[in-house]
């Protein structure tokens, strides 16, 4: 029996799951019509790199939907090294 979150479990034929990091998306330039972040961008230590990747992979006229909490001040290098601060 396939696990939850798998394509065969969802019975969706036009879905593809790829594992990666938002700062290094495993897709080609101009590949996506839509990029959705539901708490992912919030966990990225390098937000500029992450948003650069979103821009890279979006097709012209593509859309980005964000449901994240963002901070306005830089995260210290010490805090970036403490993975427990970034994970639940």
C-alpha atoms as a PDB file:
ATOM      1  CA  UNK A   1       0.000   0.000   0.000  1.00  0.00           C
ATOM      2  CA  UNK A   2       1.507   3.376  -0.991  1.00  0.00           C
ATOM      3  CA  UNK A   3       2.207   5.857   1.780  1.00  0.00           C
ATOM      4  CA  UNK A   4       0.302   9.130   2.176  1.00  0.00           C
ATOM      5  CA  UNK A   5       1.551  11.945  -0.016  1.00  0.00           C
ATOM      6  CA  UNK A   6       2.511   9.646  -2.861  1.00  0.00           C
ATOM      7  CA  UNK A   7       1.182  10.032  -6.376  1.00  0.00           C
ATOM      8  CA  UNK A   8      -0.388   6.579  -6.411  1.00  0.00           C
ATOM      9  CA  UNK A   9      -2.070   7.177  -3.052  1.00  0.00           C
ATOM     10  CA  UNK A  10      -3.640  10.391  -4.330  1.00  0.00           C
ATOM     11  CA  UNK A  11      -4.723   8.800  -7.639  1.00  0.00           C
ATOM     12  CA  UNK A  12      -3.589  11.955  -9.426  1.00  0.00           C
ATOM     13  CA  UNK A  13      -1.993  11.381 -12.808  1.00  0.00           C
ATOM     14  CA  UNK A  14      -0.629  14.897 -13.405  1.00  0.00           C
ATOM     15  CA  UNK A  15       1.316  15.164 -10.156  1.00  0.00           C
ATOM     16  CA  UNK A  16       5.030  14.705  -9.701  1.00  0.00           C
ATOM     17  CA  UNK A  17       6.851  14.818  -6.354  1.00  0.00           C
ATOM     18  CA  UNK A  18      10.474  15.977  -6.286  1.00  0.00           C
ATOM     19  CA  UNK A  19      12.584  16.244  -3.162  1.00  0.00           C
ATOM     20  CA  UNK A  20      14.782  19.297  -2.839  1.00  0.00           C
ATOM     21  CA  UNK A  21      15.478  22.573  -1.110  1.00  0.00           C
ATOM     22  CA  UNK A  22      13.739  25.852  -1.944  1.00  0.00           C
ATOM     23  CA  UNK A  23      17.175  27.431  -2.352  1.00  0.00           C
ATOM     24  CA  UNK A  24      18.041  24.840  -5.078  1.00  0.00           C
ATOM     25  CA  UNK A  25      14.831  23.702  -6.778  1.00  0.00           C
ATOM     26  CA  UNK A  26      15.276  20.498  -8.817  1.00  0.00           C
ATOM     27  CA  UNK A  27      13.531  21.827 -11.962  1.00  0.00           C
ATOM     28  CA  UNK A  28      14.498  23.715 -15.107  1.00  0.00           C
ATOM     29  CA  UNK A  29      14.222  27.473 -15.687  1.00  0.00           C
ATOM     30  CA  UNK A  30      10.682  28.580 -16.555  1.00  0.00           C
ATOM     31  CA  UNK A  31       9.187  25.237 -15.551  1.00  0.00           C
ATOM     32  CA  UNK A  32       6.379  26.234 -13.154  1.00  0.00           C
ATOM     33  CA  UNK A  33       3.073  27.992 -13.695  1.00  0.00           C
ATOM     34  CA  UNK A  34       2.616  28.408  -9.922  1.00  0.00           C
ATOM     35  CA  UNK A  35       4.875  28.130  -6.873  1.00  0.00           C
ATOM     36  CA  UNK A  36       3.117  27.691  -3.529  1.00  0.00           C
ATOM     37  CA  UNK A  37       4.891  28.064  -0.185  1.00  0.00           C
ATOM     38  CA  UNK A  38       2.950  27.007   2.879  1.00  0.00           C
ATOM     39  CA  UNK A  39       5.528  27.605   5.593  1.00  0.00           C
ATOM     40  CA  UNK A  40       8.543  26.598   3.472  1.00  0.00           C
ATOM     41  CA  UNK A  41      10.042  30.038   2.765  1.00  0.00           C
ATOM     42  CA  UNK A  42       9.808  30.819   6.464  1.00  0.00           C
ATOM     43  CA  UNK A  43      12.204  27.937   7.192  1.00  0.00           C
ATOM     44  CA  UNK A  44      14.843  28.984   4.635  1.00  0.00           C
ATOM     45  CA  UNK A  45      17.859  30.694   6.152  1.00  0.00           C
ATOM     46  CA  UNK A  46      18.748  32.323   2.785  1.00  0.00           C
ATOM     47  CA  UNK A  47      15.500  33.988   1.726  1.00  0.00           C
ATOM     48  CA  UNK A  48      17.097  35.950  -1.145  1.00  0.00           C
ATOM     49  CA  UNK A  49      18.373  32.694  -2.672  1.00  0.00           C
ATOM     50  CA  UNK A  50      14.974  31.036  -2.160  1.00  0.00           C
ATOM     51  CA  UNK A  51      13.048  33.847  -3.854  1.00  0.00           C
ATOM     52  CA  UNK A  52      15.637  33.954  -6.621  1.00  0.00           C
ATOM     53  CA  UNK A  53      14.943  30.272  -7.254  1.00  0.00           C
ATOM     54  CA  UNK A  54      11.197  30.877  -7.318  1.00  0.00           C
ATOM     55  CA  UNK A  55      11.752  33.620  -9.889  1.00  0.00           C
ATOM     56  CA  UNK A  56      14.027  31.330 -11.927  1.00  0.00           C
ATOM     57  CA  UNK A  57      11.554  28.457 -12.163  1.00  0.00           C
ATOM     58  CA  UNK A  58       8.403  30.482 -12.837  1.00  0.00           C
ATOM     59  CA  UNK A  59       7.203  30.761 -16.416  1.00  0.00           C
ATOM     60  CA  UNK A  60       6.601  34.299 -17.724  1.00  0.00           C
ATOM     61  CA  UNK A  61       3.350  35.422 -16.145  1.00  0.00           C
ATOM     62  CA  UNK A  62       3.666  32.700 -13.478  1.00  0.00           C
ATOM     63  CA  UNK A  63       2.292  33.204  -9.998  1.00  0.00           C
ATOM     64  CA  UNK A  64       3.600  32.785  -6.469  1.00  0.00           C
ATOM     65  CA  UNK A  65       1.327  32.096  -3.478  1.00  0.00           C
ATOM     66  CA  UNK A  66       2.800  32.480   0.001  1.00  0.00           C
ATOM     67  CA  UNK A  67       1.364  31.470   3.368  1.00  0.00           C
ATOM     68  CA  UNK A  68       4.408  32.175   5.521  1.00  0.00           C
ATOM     69  CA  UNK A  69       5.396  34.302   8.474  1.00  0.00           C
ATOM     70  CA  UNK A  70       8.382  36.436   7.561  1.00  0.00           C
ATOM     71  CA  UNK A  71      10.761  38.400   9.768  1.00  0.00           C
ATOM     72  CA  UNK A  72      12.146  41.804   8.882  1.00  0.00           C
ATOM     73  CA  UNK A  73      15.540  41.521  10.555  1.00  0.00           C
ATOM     74  CA  UNK A  74      18.441  39.308   9.449  1.00  0.00           C
ATOM     75  CA  UNK A  75      18.940  35.915  11.092  1.00  0.00           C
ATOM     76  CA  UNK A  76      22.341  35.580  12.765  1.00  0.00           C
ATOM     77  CA  UNK A  77      24.834  32.987  11.530  1.00  0.00           C
ATOM     78  CA  UNK A  78      24.670  31.321  14.963  1.00  0.00           C
ATOM     79  CA  UNK A  79      20.885  30.934  14.699  1.00  0.00           C
ATOM     80  CA  UNK A  80      21.212  29.576  11.138  1.00  0.00           C
ATOM     81  CA  UNK A  81      23.458  26.795  12.465  1.00  0.00           C
ATOM     82  CA  UNK A  82      20.914  25.743  15.133  1.00  0.00           C
ATOM     83  CA  UNK A  83      18.621  23.458  13.119  1.00  0.00           C
ATOM     84  CA  UNK A  84      16.258  23.050  16.082  1.00  0.00           C
ATOM     85  CA  UNK A  85      15.264  26.709  15.634  1.00  0.00           C
ATOM     86  CA  UNK A  86      14.207  25.991  12.040  1.00  0.00           C
ATOM     87  CA  UNK A  87      12.301  22.730  12.478  1.00  0.00           C
ATOM     88  CA  UNK A  88       9.239  21.643  14.447  1.00  0.00           C
END
